[in-house]
Protein backbone atom coordinates (compact mmCIF):
# COMPACT_ATOMS: atom_id res chain seq x y z
CA MET A 1 26.89 -11.12 -7.39
CA PRO A 2 27.69 -10.63 -3.68
CA GLU A 3 27.01 -13.47 -1.26
CA GLY A 4 24.16 -14.32 1.15
CA THR A 5 21.71 -11.65 2.20
CA ASP A 6 23.31 -9.09 -0.10
CA ARG A 7 22.68 -11.38 -3.07
CA ARG A 8 18.99 -11.78 -2.18
CA GLN A 9 18.70 -8.01 -1.80
CA LEU A 10 20.26 -7.53 -5.22
CA ILE A 11 17.73 -9.95 -6.71
CA LEU A 12 14.80 -8.14 -5.08
CA ASP A 13 16.13 -4.77 -6.23
CA ALA A 14 16.25 -6.12 -9.77
CA ALA A 15 12.70 -7.47 -9.54
CA LEU A 16 11.44 -4.11 -8.25
CA ALA A 17 13.20 -2.24 -11.05
CA ILE A 18 11.64 -4.52 -13.68
CA ALA A 19 8.18 -4.03 -12.18
CA ASP A 20 8.63 -0.25 -12.09
CA GLU A 21 9.70 -0.19 -15.73
CA ARG A 22 7.48 -2.82 -17.35
CA GLY A 23 4.81 -3.86 -14.85
CA LEU A 24 4.44 -6.76 -12.46
CA ASP A 25 3.70 -9.31 -15.18
CA ALA A 26 7.22 -8.74 -16.52
CA VAL A 27 8.75 -9.99 -13.26
CA THR A 28 9.82 -13.56 -14.00
CA MET A 29 12.71 -15.62 -12.69
CA ARG A 30 14.29 -15.49 -16.14
CA ALA A 31 13.91 -11.70 -16.44
CA VAL A 32 15.30 -11.10 -12.96
CA ALA A 33 18.26 -13.41 -13.64
CA ALA A 34 19.02 -11.56 -16.86
CA ARG A 35 18.87 -8.25 -15.03
CA VAL A 36 21.31 -9.49 -12.39
CA GLY A 37 23.54 -11.14 -14.97
CA VAL A 38 23.23 -14.80 -13.96
CA THR A 39 21.28 -17.86 -15.06
CA ALA A 40 17.78 -18.44 -13.70
CA MET A 41 19.07 -21.51 -11.79
CA ALA A 42 21.52 -19.29 -9.92
CA LEU A 43 18.59 -17.48 -8.28
CA TYR A 44 17.12 -20.52 -6.53
CA PRO A 45 19.52 -20.66 -3.56
CA HIS A 46 18.32 -17.15 -2.72
CA VAL A 47 14.68 -17.14 -3.86
CA ARG A 48 13.09 -20.58 -3.77
CA SER A 49 10.31 -19.89 -6.28
CA LYS A 50 8.30 -17.21 -8.02
CA GLU A 51 6.06 -17.11 -4.93
CA ASP A 52 9.06 -16.52 -2.69
CA LEU A 53 10.21 -13.79 -5.07
CA LEU A 54 6.84 -12.03 -4.81
CA ASP A 55 6.82 -12.33 -1.01
CA GLY A 56 10.30 -10.86 -0.98
CA LEU A 57 9.14 -8.07 -3.26
CA VAL A 58 6.44 -7.18 -0.71
CA GLY A 59 9.10 -7.04 1.99
CA ARG A 60 11.38 -4.99 -0.26
CA LEU A 61 8.57 -2.50 -0.85
CA LEU A 62 7.62 -2.24 2.81
CA ALA A 63 11.26 -1.76 3.76
CA GLU A 64 10.95 1.69 2.18
CA LEU A 65 8.19 2.71 4.59
CA SER A 66 8.91 4.92 7.54
CA VAL A 67 8.80 3.21 10.95
CA PRO A 68 8.11 6.05 13.39
CA ASP A 69 9.79 6.80 16.68
CA PRO A 70 7.70 4.94 19.30
CA ALA A 71 7.98 7.97 21.58
CA LYS A 72 5.72 9.96 19.23
CA PRO A 73 1.96 10.15 19.91
CA TRP A 74 0.14 7.14 18.49
CA ALA A 75 -1.90 9.16 15.99
CA ASP A 76 1.24 10.83 14.61
CA ARG A 77 2.80 7.39 14.16
CA LEU A 78 -0.18 6.11 12.18
CA ARG A 79 -0.15 9.22 10.00
CA GLU A 80 3.58 8.86 9.34
CA ILE A 81 3.19 5.25 8.21
CA ALA A 82 0.16 6.16 6.08
CA ARG A 83 1.92 9.06 4.35
CA SER A 84 4.97 6.91 3.73
CA THR A 85 2.73 4.24 2.17
CA ARG A 86 1.14 6.78 -0.17
CA GLU A 87 4.57 8.02 -1.24
CA ALA A 88 5.71 4.44 -1.92
CA ALA A 89 2.61 3.89 -4.05
CA TRP A 90 3.62 6.80 -6.26
CA ARG A 91 7.15 5.43 -6.61
CA HIS A 92 6.04 1.85 -7.32
CA PRO A 93 2.44 1.86 -8.63
CA ALA A 94 2.79 -1.50 -10.41
CA VAL A 95 3.98 -3.33 -7.28
CA MET A 96 1.72 -1.78 -4.66
CA PRO A 97 -1.33 -3.98 -5.44
CA LEU A 98 0.72 -6.98 -4.24
CA LEU A 99 0.07 -5.75 -0.71
CA PHE A 100 -3.61 -6.61 -1.22
CA THR A 101 -2.90 -10.15 -2.39
CA ARG A 102 0.04 -11.40 -0.33
CA PRO A 103 0.44 -11.69 3.46
CA ALA A 104 3.20 -10.00 5.43
CA VAL A 105 5.65 -12.89 5.89
CA THR A 106 9.09 -11.26 5.70
CA PRO A 107 10.81 -9.36 8.54
CA ASP A 108 10.56 -6.03 6.71
CA ALA A 109 6.84 -6.53 6.13
CA VAL A 110 6.10 -7.65 9.68
CA ARG A 111 7.95 -4.75 11.30
CA VAL A 112 5.55 -2.25 9.70
CA VAL A 113 2.54 -4.22 10.92
CA ASP A 114 4.10 -4.39 14.39
CA ALA A 115 4.49 -0.61 14.46
CA ILE A 116 0.78 -0.24 13.64
CA TYR A 117 -0.12 -2.79 16.33
CA GLN A 118 1.86 -0.83 18.90
CA ALA A 119 0.27 2.48 17.92
CA LEU A 120 -3.21 0.95 18.31
CA LEU A 121 -2.31 -0.56 21.68
CA ASP A 122 -1.01 2.83 22.83
CA ALA A 123 -4.27 4.41 21.64
CA GLY A 124 -6.12 2.16 24.08
CA VAL A 125 -7.56 -0.33 21.60
CA PRO A 126 -8.05 -3.64 23.46
CA ALA A 127 -5.63 -6.38 22.45
CA ASP A 128 -8.39 -8.61 21.07
CA GLU A 129 -9.52 -5.79 18.76
CA VAL A 130 -6.08 -4.73 17.49
CA PRO A 131 -5.73 -7.20 14.57
CA ARG A 132 -9.18 -6.28 13.24
CA VAL A 133 -8.57 -2.54 13.55
CA GLU A 134 -5.15 -2.88 11.91
CA ARG A 135 -6.79 -4.54 8.92
CA LEU A 136 -9.37 -1.75 8.79
CA VAL A 137 -6.74 1.01 8.93
CA SER A 138 -4.39 -0.70 6.46
CA THR A 139 -7.20 -1.35 4.00
CA PHE A 140 -8.13 2.32 3.95
CA VAL A 141 -4.54 3.48 3.48
CA LEU A 142 -3.66 0.91 0.81
CA GLY A 143 -7.00 1.26 -0.94
CA TYR A 144 -6.68 5.02 -1.19
CA ALA A 145 -3.05 4.97 -2.29
CA ILE A 146 -3.59 2.29 -4.93
CA SER A 147 -6.80 3.90 -6.22
CA GLU A 148 -5.11 7.29 -6.48
CA THR A 149 -1.97 6.08 -8.26
CA SER A 150 -3.90 3.81 -10.64
CA GLY A 151 -6.02 6.73 -11.83
CA ARG A 152 -9.28 5.30 -10.49
CA PHE A 153 -10.24 8.57 -8.79
CA GLU A 154 -9.83 10.62 -11.93
CA GLY A 155 -12.85 8.94 -13.48
CA ARG A 156 -14.34 9.97 -16.81
CA ASP A 157 -14.66 13.35 -18.42
CA PRO A 158 -17.76 15.04 -16.90
CA GLY A 159 -19.43 15.41 -20.31
CA GLU A 160 -18.79 11.76 -21.16
CA ARG A 161 -20.16 10.64 -17.81
CA GLN A 162 -23.30 12.71 -18.23
CA ALA A 163 -23.88 11.19 -21.67
CA LEU A 164 -23.46 7.65 -20.30
CA LEU A 165 -25.91 8.31 -17.45
CA ALA A 166 -28.50 10.10 -19.57
CA GLY A 167 -31.92 8.58 -19.05
CA VAL A 168 -30.86 6.69 -15.91
CA ASP A 169 -32.70 7.53 -12.70
CA LEU A 170 -29.91 8.46 -10.27
CA PRO A 171 -31.41 10.85 -7.70
CA ALA A 172 -28.34 10.94 -5.44
CA HIS A 173 -26.12 11.81 -8.40
CA ARG A 174 -28.47 14.64 -9.36
CA ARG A 175 -28.42 16.00 -5.83
CA LEU A 176 -24.61 15.82 -5.68
CA ALA A 177 -23.99 17.07 -9.22
CA SER A 178 -22.02 20.18 -8.23
CA GLU A 179 -19.97 18.29 -5.63
CA LEU A 180 -19.14 15.51 -8.10
CA GLU A 181 -17.88 18.03 -10.64
CA SER A 182 -15.74 19.97 -8.14
CA ALA A 183 -11.95 19.74 -8.28
CA VAL A 184 -10.47 17.57 -5.53
CA SER A 185 -7.15 17.80 -3.74
CA TRP A 186 -6.26 14.14 -3.32
CA GLN A 187 -3.64 14.96 -0.73
CA GLY A 188 -6.14 17.04 1.23
CA GLU A 189 -8.72 14.28 0.99
CA PHE A 190 -6.16 11.70 2.15
CA GLU A 191 -5.27 13.85 5.18
CA ALA A 192 -8.96 14.26 6.00
CA GLY A 193 -9.31 10.49 5.79
CA LEU A 194 -6.44 10.05 8.24
CA ASP A 195 -8.21 12.40 10.66
CA ASP A 196 -11.32 10.25 10.35
CA VAL A 197 -9.25 7.11 10.95
CA ALA A 198 -7.79 8.62 14.12
CA ARG A 199 -11.27 9.49 15.39
CA MET A 200 -12.45 5.97 14.58
CA VAL A 201 -9.58 4.48 16.59
CA GLU A 202 -10.39 6.77 19.50
CA ASN A 203 -14.05 5.74 19.36
CA ILE A 204 -13.14 2.05 19.37
CA ALA A 205 -10.82 2.56 22.34
CA THR A 206 -13.48 4.53 24.25
CA ARG A 207 -16.26 2.09 23.42
CA SER A 208 -14.21 -0.85 24.56
C-alpha cells in the first residue's frame, strides 16, 4: 500500500467498494484488510477503529459531492449540492443512510456543511438560525434521496394496497385515491421540493 494519507484513502475506497457490493454490514476491518491485501492489524495506524472507519466512510462519500462556486446565487448553490447528494445516493445506496447516523467530523464532510452554511448566510438567514435551517434542509435532501433509492416511495401494488385497507375508514385516502394511483416523476418531485426549500429559506430570512 502507499504511505500516509494515500493509504487511508485506499482503505476508505476499499470499504466503500465492499459496501456497494455487499451492503454496509459487510464492512469489517477484516474484510477491508483482505480487500487491500494486508492484515487487519496493518489498518490501525490509518483507521483507529471501526467507528473511525465509518466516520471516514462518511467523509469519503461526501467528498464526491459538488461544492459550488461561491459566486453563484445562493439558491443555485443549494440546488447543486442537493442534486449531487441525490446522485451519490444512487451510486451508493447502502452507505447513504450513514449520513443520518454519524456526525460530520472529517474535513470532506465539514466542507459540504460549510458550503450550505454560506449559502444560507448569503440568503439572509440570521447567523443564529443557520445551524437549525441547515439541519432542516439537509434532512429533506437526505430523507428524499435515501427514501427514493431504498424503494420506499414505490410502495405496494395498488391492488394489494386496496385489499389491505379494505374495511378501514380512511377518508383522506378515499378523497386522494386518483392522486395516490397516479404515476410520479421522482426527479420532478425532487425539483419541486427544492423550489419549496428555497421559498422556505426566503421566508425565514424575511421573517427574521
